[in-house]
Amino acid sequence: MDGGDDVTDVPSRWDDDRLLEELGHAVREARVPESFVRAGKAAFAWRTVDAELAELQLDSLHPAREPAGLRDEPRPDGSGPRVLSFAAGELSIEAEIHPDAVRGQLVPAQPGAVLVRDDDGPVREVPVDEVGWFVIEPVPARRFRLHVRTNAGATVITGWIEPRP
């Protein structure tokens, strides 16, 4: 080689502005497959892996497991709120789904916050007052779960809840 290789298509230095413009164009034009988006959201959800999963104890939509003589009979007209109860360790989450809101309480009563999540991630956060009460208005339109954080440091996540059967 005589050292005189002519490489004219490679710039002698990078043009940062042009590079940023090209990268911006590539990002704007990119189409990410829906399966990648779902996988990314699922991986993001793992950041709460240290939260305890609350076990469903009661759902008024499903028959109770107790003998018929020991359980409350449902109202004949099917009226009234849907009642849910979750338990994780010493903490219970009691919730009622009404047409206009989800009303709930932490037992034992304690303050904190409830983060409402749907398939796309966090939707909104509502406070839990000193007696453990919280209200989520309006009822989420899609399936959701509750991520409860108490001021005492407990972190609990419920299973998925279908707002309307």
Protein backbone atom coordinates (compact mmCIF):
# COMPACT_ATOMS: atom_id res chain seq x y z
CA MET A 1 0.00 0.00 0.00
CA ASP A 2 1.25 3.35 -0.83
CA GLY A 3 -0.69 5.10 1.95
CA GLY A 4 -2.74 6.96 -0.60
CA ASP A 5 -5.96 4.99 -0.18
CA ASP A 6 -8.74 7.30 -1.20
CA VAL A 7 -11.69 6.91 1.17
CA THR A 8 -13.87 9.83 0.28
CA ASP A 9 -17.23 8.59 1.60
CA VAL A 10 -16.14 8.57 5.27
CA PRO A 11 -16.17 11.99 6.89
CA SER A 12 -12.99 13.08 8.60
CA ARG A 13 -15.00 14.04 11.68
CA TRP A 14 -18.54 13.34 12.82
CA ASP A 15 -21.18 15.99 12.28
CA ASP A 16 -23.09 15.81 15.61
CA ASP A 17 -26.04 17.84 14.37
CA ARG A 18 -26.49 15.62 11.34
CA LEU A 19 -26.16 12.48 13.47
CA LEU A 20 -28.81 13.71 15.94
CA GLU A 21 -31.10 14.61 13.05
CA GLU A 22 -30.70 11.12 11.53
CA LEU A 23 -31.27 9.40 14.89
CA GLY A 24 -34.35 11.53 15.56
CA HIS A 25 -35.78 10.63 12.18
CA ALA A 26 -35.12 6.92 12.78
CA VAL A 27 -36.85 7.04 16.19
CA ARG A 28 -39.89 8.89 14.83
CA GLU A 29 -40.27 6.39 11.99
CA ALA A 30 -39.75 3.27 14.11
CA ARG A 31 -42.71 0.92 14.50
CA VAL A 32 -42.39 -1.23 17.59
CA PRO A 33 -44.36 -4.50 17.47
CA GLU A 34 -47.16 -4.68 20.06
CA SER A 35 -45.63 -7.85 21.53
CA PHE A 36 -42.45 -5.87 22.32
CA VAL A 37 -44.48 -3.13 23.99
CA ARG A 38 -46.32 -5.69 26.17
CA ALA A 39 -43.05 -7.42 27.08
CA GLY A 40 -41.49 -4.09 28.04
CA LYS A 41 -44.44 -3.18 30.23
CA ALA A 42 -44.35 -6.59 31.88
CA ALA A 43 -40.64 -6.21 32.59
CA PHE A 44 -41.28 -2.74 34.03
CA ALA A 45 -43.85 -4.27 36.38
CA TRP A 46 -41.10 -6.43 37.91
CA ARG A 47 -39.75 -3.36 39.68
CA THR A 48 -42.43 -4.07 42.31
CA VAL A 49 -41.33 -7.69 42.76
CA ASP A 50 -40.59 -7.00 46.43
CA ALA A 51 -44.28 -6.25 47.07
CA GLU A 52 -46.27 -9.03 48.64
CA LEU A 53 -49.08 -10.45 46.53
CA ALA A 54 -52.38 -10.28 48.37
CA GLU A 55 -54.47 -13.45 48.16
CA LEU A 56 -58.13 -13.12 47.21
CA GLN A 57 -60.17 -14.24 50.22
CA LEU A 58 -63.66 -13.28 49.05
CA ASP A 59 -65.35 -12.21 45.83
CA SER A 60 -69.11 -11.84 46.06
CA LEU A 61 -69.41 -12.80 42.38
CA HIS A 62 -68.18 -16.31 43.10
CA PRO A 63 -69.88 -18.85 45.33
CA ALA A 64 -68.44 -19.07 48.81
CA ARG A 65 -66.67 -22.24 49.86
CA GLU A 66 -68.43 -22.48 53.21
CA PRO A 67 -71.44 -24.75 53.66
CA ALA A 68 -74.68 -23.09 52.57
CA GLY A 69 -75.98 -22.68 56.13
CA LEU A 70 -72.93 -20.64 57.16
CA ARG A 71 -72.74 -18.14 54.31
CA ASP A 72 -74.72 -15.00 53.70
CA GLU A 73 -77.20 -15.47 50.92
CA PRO A 74 -76.93 -13.02 48.02
CA ARG A 75 -79.70 -10.52 47.51
CA PRO A 76 -82.35 -11.98 45.23
CA ASP A 77 -82.25 -8.99 42.87
CA GLY A 78 -78.45 -9.05 42.60
CA SER A 79 -78.27 -5.47 43.83
CA GLY A 80 -75.57 -4.11 46.05
CA PRO A 81 -71.89 -3.63 45.51
CA ARG A 82 -69.44 -6.32 44.54
CA VAL A 83 -67.43 -7.17 47.65
CA LEU A 84 -63.76 -8.19 47.52
CA SER A 85 -61.36 -9.09 50.29
CA PHE A 86 -57.60 -9.62 49.90
CA ALA A 87 -55.09 -10.65 52.54
CA ALA A 88 -51.30 -10.49 52.71
CA GLY A 89 -49.64 -11.22 56.01
CA GLU A 90 -51.17 -8.99 58.67
CA LEU A 91 -52.77 -6.61 56.14
CA SER A 92 -56.21 -7.01 54.58
CA ILE A 93 -57.68 -4.93 51.78
CA GLU A 94 -61.47 -4.79 51.83
CA ALA A 95 -63.12 -3.25 48.77
CA GLU A 96 -66.59 -2.69 47.38
CA ILE A 97 -67.16 -1.90 43.71
CA HIS A 98 -70.13 0.45 43.37
CA PRO A 99 -71.37 1.88 40.06
CA ASP A 100 -69.65 5.22 40.73
CA ALA A 101 -66.56 4.28 42.77
CA VAL A 102 -64.43 1.63 44.44
CA ARG A 103 -64.57 2.17 48.20
CA GLY A 104 -62.18 0.34 50.44
CA GLN A 105 -60.39 0.06 53.73
CA LEU A 106 -57.11 -1.32 54.99
CA VAL A 107 -57.31 -3.58 58.03
CA PRO A 108 -55.76 -2.89 60.46
CA ALA A 109 -56.58 0.75 59.81
CA GLN A 110 -53.56 2.78 58.78
CA PRO A 111 -52.71 5.64 56.40
CA GLY A 112 -50.89 5.25 53.11
CA ALA A 113 -51.66 5.34 49.40
CA VAL A 114 -53.26 3.10 46.79
CA LEU A 115 -51.87 3.18 43.27
CA VAL A 116 -54.42 1.96 40.73
CA ARG A 117 -52.77 0.09 37.84
CA ASP A 118 -54.16 -1.29 34.62
CA ASP A 119 -52.46 -3.19 31.78
CA ASP A 120 -50.72 0.00 30.68
CA GLY A 121 -49.25 0.74 34.12
CA PRO A 122 -50.14 3.31 36.78
CA VAL A 123 -53.44 5.10 36.29
CA ARG A 124 -53.78 7.22 39.41
CA GLU A 125 -52.90 7.29 43.08
CA VAL A 126 -55.41 7.88 45.86
CA PRO A 127 -54.68 8.61 49.51
CA VAL A 128 -55.58 6.26 52.35
CA ASP A 129 -56.65 8.20 55.44
CA GLU A 130 -55.83 7.51 59.11
CA VAL A 131 -58.69 5.04 59.48
CA GLY A 132 -57.62 3.12 56.38
CA TRP A 133 -60.36 4.40 54.03
CA PHE A 134 -59.81 5.09 50.33
CA VAL A 135 -62.07 5.93 47.37
CA ILE A 136 -61.26 5.40 43.70
CA GLU A 137 -63.47 7.52 41.45
CA PRO A 138 -64.55 6.65 38.84
CA VAL A 139 -64.37 2.86 38.71
CA PRO A 140 -61.61 1.90 36.27
CA ALA A 141 -63.00 0.98 32.86
CA ARG A 142 -60.56 -1.92 32.35
CA ARG A 143 -59.18 -4.63 34.57
CA PHE A 144 -57.03 -3.19 37.31
CA ARG A 145 -55.04 -4.04 40.41
CA LEU A 146 -54.31 -2.16 43.60
CA HIS A 147 -50.76 -1.46 44.73
CA VAL A 148 -51.01 -0.52 48.40
CA ARG A 149 -48.22 1.23 50.29
CA THR A 150 -48.75 1.95 53.96
CA ASN A 151 -46.91 4.69 55.84
CA ALA A 152 -45.55 1.91 58.07
CA GLY A 153 -43.70 0.44 55.06
CA ALA A 154 -45.90 -2.47 53.93
CA THR A 155 -46.22 -2.92 50.16
CA VAL A 156 -48.97 -5.19 48.83
CA ILE A 157 -50.37 -5.81 45.34
CA THR A 158 -53.76 -7.39 44.66
CA GLY A 159 -54.50 -9.71 41.79
CA TRP A 160 -56.28 -8.41 38.71
CA ILE A 161 -59.82 -7.19 39.24
CA GLU A 162 -62.39 -7.08 36.44
CA PRO A 163 -64.49 -3.97 37.16
CA ARG A 164 -67.61 -5.36 35.52
CA PRO A 165 -68.40 -9.06 35.31
